[in-house]
Amino acid sequence: MSDDMLGEREREMSGGEDAWLLVAVSTAGGTDSLRVHVWRKLRGLGAVYVQQSACLLPDRPPVAGTVRKLVDKVRAEGGTARCLHLTLTDPVERGELIGEFRASVAAEYGEVLERLPGFFAEIKTETAKGRAAFAEVEESEADLARFETWVAKIEARDYFAAPIGAEVRAELDRARKVMKRFEAAALAAETEPESRTGRAAARLRAVEGHRP
């Protein structure tokens, strides 16, 4: 994510560190699918639970909008839900809560950093074996797309800019550059005249070698 995009996102989501949402939801009167929906939505927002059915979220416009829709859905489908706007004036309490949010997304970012080396290693192996080809490019592109989607979801709930996020974005940018070079190598391998001639000659030798 570029610096301009980060600045735009910060302006969009800014609501101060004092403003919070207390969300209380019970799906006891609803369906199993509603229970799963609530769980996925709140987890996707990065909610920090203070007890089983109550959680806290930063009071930011995008978050508040999503929570309002969730509350309406829960009530419409037989559950109970409430969203209260709170102000946290205790700096110690606020700092601890922000720390929980940062720790949660930092753990997720850490998983990305643990898995990205496998992406680099796979491309390095395929290149070393001379297997830079369209099929391998497509497979690596799909892997990179999954990383990008994963990181985008984490960034959406990284409300307080966990420091490790910058490292993840740098590594993801490096992955894109490596992917471009791998793509270029595959293109060269499949389109350069020498490569085509060499492959054709190899196929001819193989056919002639199997003739009776």
N, C-alpha and C. Protein backbone atom coordinates (compact mmCIF):
# COMPACT_ATOMS: atom_id res chain seq x y z
N MET A 1 0.85 -1.19 0.00
CA MET A 1 0.00 0.00 0.00
C MET A 1 0.88 1.24 0.00
N SER A 2 0.64 2.20 -0.91
CA SER A 2 1.48 3.38 -1.02
C SER A 2 1.25 4.32 0.14
N ASP A 3 2.20 5.28 0.33
CA ASP A 3 2.06 6.27 1.39
C ASP A 3 0.81 7.10 1.20
N ASP A 4 0.49 7.45 -0.07
CA ASP A 4 -0.72 8.24 -0.33
C ASP A 4 -1.97 7.48 0.06
N MET A 5 -1.99 6.17 -0.27
CA MET A 5 -3.16 5.35 0.07
C MET A 5 -3.27 5.21 1.57
N LEU A 6 -2.13 5.05 2.26
CA LEU A 6 -2.16 4.94 3.71
C LEU A 6 -2.68 6.22 4.34
N GLY A 7 -2.24 7.37 3.80
CA GLY A 7 -2.71 8.64 4.34
C GLY A 7 -4.21 8.81 4.15
N GLU A 8 -4.69 8.39 2.98
CA GLU A 8 -6.13 8.48 2.70
C GLU A 8 -6.91 7.57 3.64
N ARG A 9 -6.39 6.36 3.86
CA ARG A 9 -7.07 5.42 4.75
C ARG A 9 -7.10 5.94 6.17
N GLU A 10 -5.99 6.55 6.63
CA GLU A 10 -5.95 7.08 7.98
C GLU A 10 -6.96 8.21 8.15
N ARG A 11 -7.08 9.08 7.12
CA ARG A 11 -8.05 10.16 7.21
C ARG A 11 -9.47 9.62 7.23
N GLU A 12 -9.70 8.57 6.41
CA GLU A 12 -11.03 7.98 6.34
C GLU A 12 -11.44 7.36 7.66
N MET A 13 -10.48 6.67 8.31
CA MET A 13 -10.81 5.90 9.50
C MET A 13 -10.60 6.67 10.79
N SER A 14 -10.00 7.86 10.68
CA SER A 14 -9.67 8.59 11.91
C SER A 14 -10.92 8.95 12.69
N GLY A 15 -10.88 8.72 13.97
CA GLY A 15 -11.99 9.10 14.83
C GLY A 15 -11.47 9.33 16.22
N GLY A 16 -10.13 9.44 16.35
CA GLY A 16 -9.55 9.64 17.66
C GLY A 16 -9.42 8.32 18.40
N GLU A 17 -8.63 8.35 19.46
CA GLU A 17 -8.43 7.15 20.26
C GLU A 17 -9.37 7.08 21.45
N ASP A 18 -10.17 8.10 21.66
CA ASP A 18 -11.09 8.12 22.80
C ASP A 18 -12.46 7.52 22.47
N ALA A 19 -12.83 7.52 21.19
CA ALA A 19 -14.18 7.11 20.79
C ALA A 19 -14.22 5.62 20.46
N TRP A 20 -15.13 4.91 21.12
CA TRP A 20 -15.22 3.46 20.95
C TRP A 20 -16.67 3.02 20.84
N LEU A 21 -16.83 1.81 20.30
CA LEU A 21 -18.15 1.17 20.20
C LEU A 21 -18.16 -0.06 21.11
N LEU A 22 -19.19 -0.16 21.92
CA LEU A 22 -19.41 -1.38 22.70
C LEU A 22 -20.54 -2.13 22.01
N VAL A 23 -20.24 -3.30 21.49
CA VAL A 23 -21.20 -4.08 20.73
C VAL A 23 -21.58 -5.32 21.54
N ALA A 24 -22.88 -5.45 21.82
CA ALA A 24 -23.38 -6.62 22.55
C ALA A 24 -24.36 -7.36 21.65
N VAL A 25 -24.09 -8.62 21.39
CA VAL A 25 -24.91 -9.41 20.47
C VAL A 25 -25.24 -10.76 21.07
N SER A 26 -26.49 -11.15 20.94
CA SER A 26 -26.91 -12.50 21.31
C SER A 26 -27.70 -13.08 20.14
N THR A 27 -27.31 -14.27 19.69
CA THR A 27 -28.02 -14.92 18.58
C THR A 27 -28.84 -16.10 19.08
N ALA A 28 -29.16 -16.09 20.36
CA ALA A 28 -29.90 -17.21 20.96
C ALA A 28 -31.23 -17.47 20.27
N GLY A 29 -31.86 -16.42 19.78
CA GLY A 29 -33.14 -16.62 19.11
C GLY A 29 -33.03 -16.76 17.61
N GLY A 30 -31.79 -16.80 17.11
CA GLY A 30 -31.58 -16.86 15.66
C GLY A 30 -31.14 -18.24 15.20
N THR A 31 -30.64 -18.29 13.99
CA THR A 31 -30.21 -19.55 13.38
C THR A 31 -28.70 -19.75 13.54
N ASP A 32 -28.26 -20.96 13.21
CA ASP A 32 -26.82 -21.23 13.24
C ASP A 32 -26.09 -20.37 12.23
N SER A 33 -26.70 -20.14 11.06
CA SER A 33 -26.05 -19.32 10.04
C SER A 33 -25.89 -17.88 10.52
N LEU A 34 -26.84 -17.39 11.30
CA LEU A 34 -26.73 -16.04 11.86
C LEU A 34 -25.57 -15.98 12.85
N ARG A 35 -25.44 -17.01 13.65
CA ARG A 35 -24.35 -17.07 14.63
C ARG A 35 -22.99 -17.03 13.93
N VAL A 36 -22.88 -17.78 12.84
CA VAL A 36 -21.63 -17.80 12.08
C VAL A 36 -21.39 -16.43 11.44
N HIS A 37 -22.45 -15.83 10.90
CA HIS A 37 -22.33 -14.52 10.27
C HIS A 37 -21.82 -13.47 11.26
N VAL A 38 -22.39 -13.46 12.45
CA VAL A 38 -21.98 -12.50 13.48
C VAL A 38 -20.52 -12.71 13.85
N TRP A 39 -20.16 -13.98 14.05
CA TRP A 39 -18.78 -14.31 14.42
C TRP A 39 -17.80 -13.84 13.35
N ARG A 40 -18.10 -14.11 12.08
CA ARG A 40 -17.21 -13.74 10.99
C ARG A 40 -17.09 -12.21 10.88
N LYS A 41 -18.22 -11.51 11.00
CA LYS A 41 -18.20 -10.06 10.86
C LYS A 41 -17.37 -9.40 11.96
N LEU A 42 -17.62 -9.79 13.21
CA LEU A 42 -16.91 -9.17 14.32
C LEU A 42 -15.43 -9.55 14.32
N ARG A 43 -15.15 -10.79 13.99
CA ARG A 43 -13.74 -11.21 13.89
C ARG A 43 -13.05 -10.48 12.74
N GLY A 44 -13.79 -10.30 11.64
CA GLY A 44 -13.24 -9.60 10.49
C GLY A 44 -12.93 -8.14 10.80
N LEU A 45 -13.70 -7.56 11.72
CA LEU A 45 -13.45 -6.18 12.14
C LEU A 45 -12.31 -6.10 13.16
N GLY A 46 -11.93 -7.25 13.71
CA GLY A 46 -10.87 -7.27 14.70
C GLY A 46 -11.33 -6.94 16.10
N ALA A 47 -12.58 -7.22 16.41
CA ALA A 47 -13.15 -6.87 17.71
C ALA A 47 -12.38 -7.51 18.87
N VAL A 48 -12.25 -6.75 19.96
CA VAL A 48 -11.66 -7.27 21.19
C VAL A 48 -12.79 -7.52 22.18
N TYR A 49 -12.92 -8.78 22.61
CA TYR A 49 -14.03 -9.14 23.50
C TYR A 49 -13.70 -8.82 24.94
N VAL A 50 -14.69 -8.21 25.62
CA VAL A 50 -14.55 -7.94 27.05
C VAL A 50 -15.29 -9.00 27.87
N GLN A 51 -16.23 -9.67 27.23
CA GLN A 51 -16.88 -10.86 27.76
C GLN A 51 -17.50 -11.61 26.59
N GLN A 52 -18.15 -12.73 26.87
CA GLN A 52 -18.55 -13.64 25.80
C GLN A 52 -19.34 -12.98 24.67
N SER A 53 -20.30 -12.13 24.99
CA SER A 53 -21.17 -11.57 23.95
C SER A 53 -20.99 -10.07 23.77
N ALA A 54 -19.94 -9.52 24.33
CA ALA A 54 -19.73 -8.07 24.24
C ALA A 54 -18.28 -7.80 23.82
N CYS A 55 -18.13 -6.88 22.89
CA CYS A 55 -16.79 -6.56 22.39
C CYS A 55 -16.65 -5.07 22.14
N LEU A 56 -15.42 -4.63 21.98
CA LEU A 56 -15.11 -3.23 21.73
C LEU A 56 -14.46 -3.07 20.36
N LEU A 57 -14.79 -1.96 19.71
CA LEU A 57 -14.21 -1.60 18.43
C LEU A 57 -13.99 -0.09 18.40
N PRO A 58 -13.01 0.38 17.65
CA PRO A 58 -12.84 1.84 17.50
C PRO A 58 -14.06 2.43 16.81
N ASP A 59 -14.48 3.59 17.26
CA ASP A 59 -15.64 4.25 16.66
C ASP A 59 -15.17 5.05 15.45
N ARG A 60 -15.03 4.36 14.34
CA ARG A 60 -14.64 4.97 13.07
C ARG A 60 -15.81 4.83 12.10
N PRO A 61 -16.00 5.77 11.18
CA PRO A 61 -17.15 5.70 10.27
C PRO A 61 -17.33 4.37 9.55
N PRO A 62 -16.29 3.79 8.95
CA PRO A 62 -16.51 2.51 8.26
C PRO A 62 -16.91 1.39 9.21
N VAL A 63 -16.30 1.39 10.41
CA VAL A 63 -16.60 0.36 11.40
C VAL A 63 -18.03 0.52 11.92
N ALA A 64 -18.38 1.75 12.27
CA ALA A 64 -19.72 2.01 12.80
C ALA A 64 -20.80 1.64 11.78
N GLY A 65 -20.54 1.92 10.50
CA GLY A 65 -21.51 1.57 9.47
C GLY A 65 -21.71 0.08 9.36
N THR A 66 -20.63 -0.68 9.42
CA THR A 66 -20.73 -2.14 9.36
C THR A 66 -21.45 -2.69 10.57
N VAL A 67 -21.16 -2.13 11.74
CA VAL A 67 -21.81 -2.60 12.97
C VAL A 67 -23.30 -2.30 12.94
N ARG A 68 -23.68 -1.13 12.44
CA ARG A 68 -25.11 -0.80 12.36
C ARG A 68 -25.87 -1.81 11.50
N LYS A 69 -25.28 -2.17 10.36
CA LYS A 69 -25.91 -3.17 9.49
C LYS A 69 -25.99 -4.53 10.19
N LEU A 70 -24.96 -4.86 10.94
CA LEU A 70 -24.96 -6.14 11.65
C LEU A 70 -26.03 -6.16 12.72
N VAL A 71 -26.15 -5.08 13.48
CA VAL A 71 -27.19 -4.99 14.52
C VAL A 71 -28.58 -5.14 13.91
N ASP A 72 -28.81 -4.46 12.80
CA ASP A 72 -30.12 -4.55 12.13
C ASP A 72 -30.40 -5.98 11.68
N LYS A 73 -29.40 -6.64 11.15
CA LYS A 73 -29.58 -8.01 10.66
C LYS A 73 -29.90 -8.96 11.82
N VAL A 74 -29.16 -8.81 12.90
CA VAL A 74 -29.38 -9.69 14.06
C VAL A 74 -30.79 -9.51 14.59
N ARG A 75 -31.23 -8.29 14.74
CA ARG A 75 -32.60 -8.03 15.25
C ARG A 75 -33.65 -8.56 14.29
N ALA A 76 -33.41 -8.41 12.98
CA ALA A 76 -34.39 -8.85 11.99
C ALA A 76 -34.52 -10.37 11.95
N GLU A 77 -33.45 -11.07 12.37
CA GLU A 77 -33.45 -12.53 12.29
C GLU A 77 -33.61 -13.22 13.64
N GLY A 78 -34.16 -12.49 14.61
CA GLY A 78 -34.54 -13.12 15.87
C GLY A 78 -33.57 -13.01 17.02
N GLY A 79 -32.42 -12.37 16.80
CA GLY A 79 -31.45 -12.20 17.88
C GLY A 79 -31.62 -10.85 18.54
N THR A 80 -30.75 -10.55 19.46
CA THR A 80 -30.77 -9.24 20.12
C THR A 80 -29.38 -8.62 19.96
N ALA A 81 -29.35 -7.31 19.77
CA ALA A 81 -28.08 -6.63 19.57
C ALA A 81 -28.20 -5.18 19.98
N ARG A 82 -27.08 -4.64 20.44
CA ARG A 82 -27.04 -3.23 20.82
C ARG A 82 -25.63 -2.70 20.58
N CYS A 83 -25.56 -1.46 20.14
CA CYS A 83 -24.28 -0.81 19.92
C CYS A 83 -24.28 0.53 20.67
N LEU A 84 -23.35 0.68 21.60
CA LEU A 84 -23.26 1.89 22.40
C LEU A 84 -21.96 2.63 22.06
N HIS A 85 -22.06 3.96 22.00
CA HIS A 85 -20.89 4.80 21.74
C HIS A 85 -20.29 5.21 23.08
N LEU A 86 -18.99 4.90 23.26
CA LEU A 86 -18.31 5.17 24.52
C LEU A 86 -17.14 6.12 24.31
N THR A 87 -16.77 6.77 25.39
CA THR A 87 -15.55 7.58 25.41
C THR A 87 -14.64 7.05 26.51
N LEU A 88 -13.44 6.68 26.16
CA LEU A 88 -12.48 6.19 27.14
C LEU A 88 -11.55 7.34 27.51
N THR A 89 -11.66 7.81 28.74
CA THR A 89 -10.85 8.95 29.17
C THR A 89 -9.63 8.53 29.98
N ASP A 90 -9.62 7.28 30.44
CA ASP A 90 -8.48 6.78 31.21
C ASP A 90 -7.36 6.40 30.24
N PRO A 91 -6.24 7.13 30.24
CA PRO A 91 -5.17 6.85 29.28
C PRO A 91 -4.56 5.46 29.45
N VAL A 92 -4.53 4.96 30.67
CA VAL A 92 -3.96 3.63 30.91
C VAL A 92 -4.86 2.57 30.29
N GLU A 93 -6.16 2.67 30.56
CA GLU A 93 -7.12 1.71 30.01
C GLU A 93 -7.12 1.77 28.49
N ARG A 94 -7.10 2.98 27.97
CA ARG A 94 -7.10 3.16 26.51
C ARG A 94 -5.82 2.58 25.90
N GLY A 95 -4.70 2.83 26.55
CA GLY A 95 -3.43 2.32 26.03
C GLY A 95 -3.39 0.80 26.03
N GLU A 96 -3.93 0.19 27.08
CA GLU A 96 -3.96 -1.28 27.13
C GLU A 96 -4.84 -1.85 26.04
N LEU A 97 -5.97 -1.20 25.80
CA LEU A 97 -6.89 -1.68 24.76
C LEU A 97 -6.25 -1.55 23.38
N ILE A 98 -5.63 -0.42 23.11
CA ILE A 98 -4.95 -0.23 21.83
C ILE A 98 -3.84 -1.26 21.66
N GLY A 99 -3.16 -1.55 22.77
CA GLY A 99 -2.12 -2.58 22.74
C GLY A 99 -2.66 -3.93 22.34
N GLU A 100 -3.87 -4.26 22.82
CA GLU A 100 -4.50 -5.54 22.44
C GLU A 100 -4.79 -5.59 20.94
N PHE A 101 -5.30 -4.49 20.41
CA PHE A 101 -5.58 -4.45 18.98
C PHE A 101 -4.30 -4.60 18.17
N ARG A 102 -3.25 -3.89 18.58
CA ARG A 102 -1.99 -3.98 17.85
C ARG A 102 -1.39 -5.38 17.96
N ALA A 103 -1.47 -5.98 19.12
CA ALA A 103 -0.91 -7.32 19.30
C ALA A 103 -1.64 -8.33 18.42
N SER A 104 -2.95 -8.17 18.30
CA SER A 104 -3.74 -9.11 17.50
C SER A 104 -3.34 -9.04 16.03
N VAL A 105 -3.28 -7.83 15.47
CA VAL A 105 -2.91 -7.73 14.06
C VAL A 105 -1.43 -8.04 13.84
N ALA A 106 -0.59 -7.76 14.85
CA ALA A 106 0.82 -8.09 14.72
C ALA A 106 1.01 -9.59 14.58
N ALA A 107 0.21 -10.37 15.33
CA ALA A 107 0.28 -11.83 15.22
C ALA A 107 -0.11 -12.28 13.82
N GLU A 108 -1.12 -11.63 13.24
CA GLU A 108 -1.54 -11.98 11.89
C GLU A 108 -0.48 -11.59 10.86
N TYR A 109 0.06 -10.40 11.01
CA TYR A 109 1.15 -9.98 10.12
C TYR A 109 2.32 -10.96 10.23
N GLY A 110 2.58 -11.42 11.46
CA GLY A 110 3.67 -12.36 11.67
C GLY A 110 3.49 -13.65 10.89
N GLU A 111 2.23 -14.11 10.79
CA GLU A 111 1.96 -15.31 10.00
C GLU A 111 2.30 -15.10 8.53
N VAL A 112 2.00 -13.91 8.04
CA VAL A 112 2.32 -13.59 6.65
C VAL A 112 3.84 -13.66 6.45
N LEU A 113 4.58 -13.06 7.37
CA LEU A 113 6.04 -13.06 7.26
C LEU A 113 6.62 -14.47 7.36
N GLU A 114 5.94 -15.33 8.09
CA GLU A 114 6.40 -16.72 8.21
C GLU A 114 6.19 -17.49 6.92
N ARG A 115 5.15 -17.14 6.16
CA ARG A 115 4.82 -17.90 4.96
C ARG A 115 5.40 -17.33 3.67
N LEU A 116 5.68 -16.05 3.65
CA LEU A 116 6.22 -15.45 2.43
C LEU A 116 7.55 -16.07 1.98
N PRO A 117 8.45 -16.46 2.88
CA PRO A 117 9.69 -17.09 2.41
C PRO A 117 9.44 -18.32 1.54
N GLY A 118 8.36 -19.04 1.79
CA GLY A 118 8.02 -20.19 0.96
C GLY A 118 7.72 -19.77 -0.47
N PHE A 119 7.09 -18.61 -0.62
CA PHE A 119 6.79 -18.08 -1.96
C PHE A 119 8.09 -17.78 -2.71
N PHE A 120 9.02 -17.10 -2.02
CA PHE A 120 10.30 -16.77 -2.65
C PHE A 120 11.09 -18.04 -2.98
N ALA A 121 11.07 -19.00 -2.06
CA ALA A 121 11.84 -20.24 -2.25
C ALA A 121 11.31 -21.03 -3.45
N GLU A 122 9.99 -21.05 -3.61
CA GLU A 122 9.39 -21.79 -4.72
C GLU A 122 9.82 -21.20 -6.06
N ILE A 123 9.77 -19.89 -6.17
CA ILE A 123 10.18 -19.24 -7.42
C ILE A 123 11.67 -19.46 -7.67
N LYS A 124 12.47 -19.37 -6.63
CA LYS A 124 13.91 -19.59 -6.78
C LYS A 124 14.19 -21.01 -7.26
N THR A 125 13.47 -21.98 -6.70
CA THR A 125 13.66 -23.38 -7.10
C THR A 125 13.26 -23.61 -8.55
N GLU A 126 12.10 -23.09 -8.92
CA GLU A 126 11.62 -23.27 -10.30
C GLU A 126 12.57 -22.60 -11.30
N THR A 127 13.10 -21.44 -10.93
CA THR A 127 14.03 -20.74 -11.81
C THR A 127 15.33 -21.52 -11.96
N ALA A 128 15.84 -22.02 -10.83
CA ALA A 128 17.10 -22.78 -10.85
C ALA A 128 16.99 -24.04 -11.69
N LYS A 129 15.81 -24.63 -11.71
CA LYS A 129 15.59 -25.86 -12.49
C LYS A 129 15.29 -25.57 -13.96
N GLY A 130 15.24 -24.28 -14.30
CA GLY A 130 14.91 -23.92 -15.68
C GLY A 130 13.45 -24.17 -16.00
N ARG A 131 12.60 -24.06 -14.98
CA ARG A 131 11.18 -24.35 -15.19
C ARG A 131 10.32 -23.09 -15.15
N ALA A 132 10.91 -21.96 -15.55
CA ALA A 132 10.12 -20.73 -15.65
C ALA A 132 9.22 -20.84 -16.87
N ALA A 133 7.97 -21.14 -16.65
CA ALA A 133 7.03 -21.34 -17.74
C ALA A 133 5.67 -20.78 -17.34
N PHE A 134 4.76 -20.70 -18.31
CA PHE A 134 3.46 -20.08 -18.08
C PHE A 134 2.70 -20.73 -16.92
N ALA A 135 2.71 -22.06 -16.86
CA ALA A 135 1.96 -22.75 -15.81
C ALA A 135 2.48 -22.37 -14.43
N GLU A 136 3.82 -22.31 -14.30
CA GLU A 136 4.41 -21.94 -13.02
C GLU A 136 4.12 -20.48 -12.67
N VAL A 137 4.10 -19.63 -13.70
CA VAL A 137 3.77 -18.22 -13.48
C VAL A 137 2.35 -18.08 -12.95
N GLU A 138 1.42 -18.79 -13.56
CA GLU A 138 0.02 -18.73 -13.10
C GLU A 138 -0.11 -19.20 -11.66
N GLU A 139 0.59 -20.27 -11.32
CA GLU A 139 0.52 -20.79 -9.96
C GLU A 139 1.08 -19.79 -8.96
N SER A 140 2.20 -19.18 -9.30
CA SER A 140 2.82 -18.20 -8.40
C SER A 140 1.97 -16.93 -8.30
N GLU A 141 1.34 -16.53 -9.40
CA GLU A 141 0.44 -15.38 -9.38
C GLU A 141 -0.73 -15.62 -8.43
N ALA A 142 -1.27 -16.83 -8.46
CA ALA A 142 -2.38 -17.17 -7.57
C ALA A 142 -1.93 -17.11 -6.11
N ASP A 143 -0.72 -17.59 -5.84
CA ASP A 143 -0.18 -17.53 -4.48
C ASP A 143 -0.02 -16.08 -4.02
N LEU A 144 0.52 -15.25 -4.91
CA LEU A 144 0.72 -13.84 -4.58
C LEU A 144 -0.62 -13.14 -4.34
N ALA A 145 -1.61 -13.46 -5.15
CA ALA A 145 -2.94 -12.86 -4.99
C ALA A 145 -3.53 -13.21 -3.63
N ARG A 146 -3.30 -14.45 -3.18
CA ARG A 146 -3.80 -14.85 -1.86
C ARG A 146 -3.11 -14.05 -0.75
N PHE A 147 -1.82 -13.83 -0.89
CA PHE A 147 -1.10 -13.01 0.09
C PHE A 147 -1.64 -11.59 0.10
N GLU A 148 -1.87 -11.03 -1.08
CA GLU A 148 -2.36 -9.65 -1.17
C GLU A 148 -3.75 -9.51 -0.54
N THR A 149 -4.62 -10.48 -0.80
CA THR A 149 -5.95 -10.45 -0.21
C THR A 149 -5.88 -10.58 1.31
N TRP A 150 -5.03 -11.47 1.77
CA TRP A 150 -4.84 -11.70 3.20
C TRP A 150 -4.35 -10.43 3.89
N VAL A 151 -3.32 -9.80 3.32
CA VAL A 151 -2.76 -8.59 3.92
C VAL A 151 -3.78 -7.45 3.90
N ALA A 152 -4.55 -7.34 2.83
CA ALA A 152 -5.56 -6.29 2.74
C ALA A 152 -6.59 -6.42 3.86
N LYS A 153 -6.96 -7.65 4.19
CA LYS A 153 -7.92 -7.87 5.27
C LYS A 153 -7.33 -7.49 6.62
N ILE A 154 -6.05 -7.80 6.81
CA ILE A 154 -5.41 -7.43 8.08
C ILE A 154 -5.30 -5.91 8.18
N GLU A 155 -4.90 -5.27 7.07
CA GLU A 155 -4.76 -3.81 7.08
C GLU A 155 -6.08 -3.12 7.42
N ALA A 156 -7.19 -3.71 6.99
CA ALA A 156 -8.49 -3.10 7.23
C ALA A 156 -8.82 -3.04 8.72
N ARG A 157 -8.22 -3.93 9.53
CA ARG A 157 -8.48 -3.89 10.97
C ARG A 157 -7.23 -3.46 11.77
N ASP A 158 -6.24 -2.96 11.04
CA ASP A 158 -5.04 -2.44 11.70
C ASP A 158 -5.29 -0.96 12.02
N TYR A 159 -6.17 -0.72 12.98
CA TYR A 159 -6.63 0.63 13.28
C TYR A 159 -5.55 1.52 13.87
N PHE A 160 -4.56 0.93 14.52
CA PHE A 160 -3.57 1.72 15.24
C PHE A 160 -2.15 1.49 14.71
N ALA A 161 -2.05 1.15 13.44
CA ALA A 161 -0.78 1.07 12.72
C ALA A 161 0.28 0.28 13.46
N ALA A 162 0.07 -1.02 13.58
CA ALA A 162 1.08 -1.89 14.19
C ALA A 162 2.38 -1.75 13.40
N PRO A 163 3.51 -1.51 14.07
CA PRO A 163 4.79 -1.27 13.36
C PRO A 163 5.17 -2.36 12.38
N ILE A 164 4.84 -3.60 12.68
CA ILE A 164 5.22 -4.72 11.80
C ILE A 164 4.54 -4.63 10.43
N GLY A 165 3.47 -3.85 10.35
CA GLY A 165 2.76 -3.70 9.08
C GLY A 165 3.65 -3.16 7.98
N ALA A 166 4.55 -2.24 8.32
CA ALA A 166 5.45 -1.67 7.32
C ALA A 166 6.38 -2.74 6.75
N GLU A 167 6.85 -3.63 7.61
CA GLU A 167 7.72 -4.72 7.15
C GLU A 167 6.98 -5.66 6.21
N VAL A 168 5.73 -5.95 6.54
CA VAL A 168 4.92 -6.83 5.70
C VAL A 168 4.69 -6.20 4.33
N ARG A 169 4.37 -4.92 4.31
CA ARG A 169 4.13 -4.25 3.03
C ARG A 169 5.40 -4.22 2.18
N ALA A 170 6.55 -4.05 2.83
CA ALA A 170 7.81 -4.06 2.09
C ALA A 170 8.09 -5.43 1.49
N GLU A 171 7.83 -6.48 2.26
CA GLU A 171 8.05 -7.84 1.76
C GLU A 171 7.07 -8.19 0.65
N LEU A 172 5.84 -7.70 0.78
CA LEU A 172 4.85 -7.96 -0.26
C LEU A 172 5.23 -7.23 -1.55
N ASP A 173 5.78 -6.04 -1.42
CA ASP A 173 6.24 -5.31 -2.59
C ASP A 173 7.42 -6.04 -3.24
N ARG A 174 8.30 -6.61 -2.42
CA ARG A 174 9.41 -7.40 -2.96
C ARG A 174 8.88 -8.63 -3.69
N ALA A 175 7.83 -9.24 -3.15
CA ALA A 175 7.24 -10.41 -3.79
C ALA A 175 6.69 -10.05 -5.17
N ARG A 176 6.10 -8.87 -5.28
CA ARG A 176 5.57 -8.44 -6.58
C ARG A 176 6.70 -8.26 -7.59
N LYS A 177 7.84 -7.71 -7.13
CA LYS A 177 8.98 -7.50 -8.03
C LYS A 177 9.58 -8.84 -8.46
N VAL A 178 9.67 -9.77 -7.51
CA VAL A 178 10.18 -11.11 -7.84
C VAL A 178 9.26 -11.79 -8.83
N MET A 179 7.95 -11.60 -8.64
CA MET A 179 6.97 -12.18 -9.55
C MET A 179 7.13 -11.61 -10.96
N LYS A 180 7.39 -10.33 -11.06
CA LYS A 180 7.60 -9.70 -12.37
C LYS A 180 8.82 -10.29 -13.08
N ARG A 181 9.89 -10.49 -12.32
CA ARG A 181 11.10 -11.06 -12.93
C ARG A 181 10.87 -12.51 -13.36
N PHE A 182 10.12 -13.25 -12.55
CA PHE A 182 9.81 -14.64 -12.88
C PHE A 182 8.96 -14.69 -14.15
N GLU A 183 8.02 -13.78 -14.26
CA GLU A 183 7.16 -13.69 -15.44
C GLU A 183 8.00 -13.36 -16.68
N ALA A 184 8.94 -12.43 -16.52
CA ALA A 184 9.79 -12.06 -17.64
C ALA A 184 10.66 -13.23 -18.07
N ALA A 185 11.16 -14.00 -17.09
CA ALA A 185 11.98 -15.16 -17.41
C ALA A 185 11.18 -16.21 -18.17
N ALA A 186 9.93 -16.41 -17.76
CA ALA A 186 9.07 -17.38 -18.43
C ALA A 186 8.76 -16.93 -19.85
N LEU A 187 8.51 -15.63 -20.00
CA LEU A 187 8.23 -15.09 -21.34
C LEU A 187 9.44 -15.29 -22.25
N ALA A 188 10.63 -14.99 -21.73
CA ALA A 188 11.84 -15.15 -22.53
C ALA A 188 12.06 -16.61 -22.90
N ALA A 189 11.83 -17.51 -21.94
CA ALA A 189 12.05 -18.93 -22.18
C ALA A 189 11.13 -19.49 -23.25
N GLU A 190 9.94 -18.92 -23.36
CA GLU A 190 8.96 -19.48 -24.29
C GLU A 190 8.89 -18.73 -25.62
N THR A 191 9.55 -17.58 -25.71
CA THR A 191 9.40 -16.79 -26.94
C THR A 191 10.71 -16.49 -27.65
N GLU A 192 11.85 -16.58 -26.97
CA GLU A 192 13.10 -16.28 -27.64
C GLU A 192 13.40 -17.33 -28.71
N PRO A 193 13.86 -16.91 -29.90
CA PRO A 193 14.12 -17.86 -31.00
C PRO A 193 15.05 -18.99 -30.60
N GLU A 194 16.12 -18.65 -29.83
CA GLU A 194 17.06 -19.70 -29.45
C GLU A 194 16.38 -20.75 -28.58
N SER A 195 15.51 -20.28 -27.72
CA SER A 195 14.83 -21.22 -26.83
C SER A 195 13.91 -22.14 -27.62
N ARG A 196 13.16 -21.53 -28.57
CA ARG A 196 12.25 -22.34 -29.37
C ARG A 196 13.03 -23.36 -30.20
N THR A 197 14.15 -22.90 -30.80
CA THR A 197 14.96 -23.80 -31.62
C THR A 197 15.54 -24.92 -30.79
N GLY A 198 16.02 -24.55 -29.61
CA GLY A 198 16.60 -25.57 -28.73
C GLY A 198 15.58 -26.60 -28.31
N ARG A 199 14.38 -26.16 -27.98
CA ARG A 199 13.34 -27.10 -27.56
C ARG A 199 12.91 -27.99 -28.72
N ALA A 200 12.81 -27.38 -29.91
CA ALA A 200 12.41 -28.17 -31.09
C ALA A 200 13.46 -29.23 -31.39
N ALA A 201 14.74 -28.84 -31.28
CA ALA A 201 15.81 -29.80 -31.55
C ALA A 201 15.78 -30.93 -30.52
N ALA A 202 15.53 -30.57 -29.27
CA ALA A 202 15.49 -31.58 -28.22
C ALA A 202 14.34 -32.56 -28.46
N ARG A 203 13.18 -32.03 -28.88
CA ARG A 203 12.05 -32.91 -29.16
C ARG A 203 12.36 -33.83 -30.34
N LEU A 204 13.03 -33.27 -31.37
CA LEU A 204 13.39 -34.07 -32.54
C LEU A 204 14.34 -35.19 -32.16
N ARG A 205 15.34 -34.86 -31.34
CA ARG A 205 16.30 -35.89 -30.91
C ARG A 205 15.59 -36.97 -30.11
N ALA A 206 14.62 -36.57 -29.29
CA ALA A 206 13.90 -37.53 -28.49
C ALA A 206 13.08 -38.48 -29.37
N VAL A 207 12.44 -37.90 -30.39
CA VAL A 207 11.64 -38.73 -31.32
C VAL A 207 12.53 -39.68 -32.09
N GLU A 208 13.66 -39.16 -32.60
CA GLU A 208 14.56 -40.00 -33.38
C GLU A 208 15.16 -41.10 -32.53
N GLY A 209 15.38 -40.79 -31.25
CA GLY A 209 15.95 -41.79 -30.37
C GLY A 209 15.02 -42.95 -30.10
N HIS A 210 13.70 -42.72 -30.27
CA HIS A 210 12.73 -43.79 -30.02
C HIS A 210 12.29 -44.53 -31.30
N ARG A 211 12.86 -44.12 -32.46
CA ARG A 211 12.48 -44.81 -33.69
C ARG A 211 13.11 -46.19 -33.74
N PRO A 212 12.40 -47.14 -34.28
CA PRO A 212 12.94 -48.50 -34.38
C PRO A 212 14.07 -48.56 -35.40
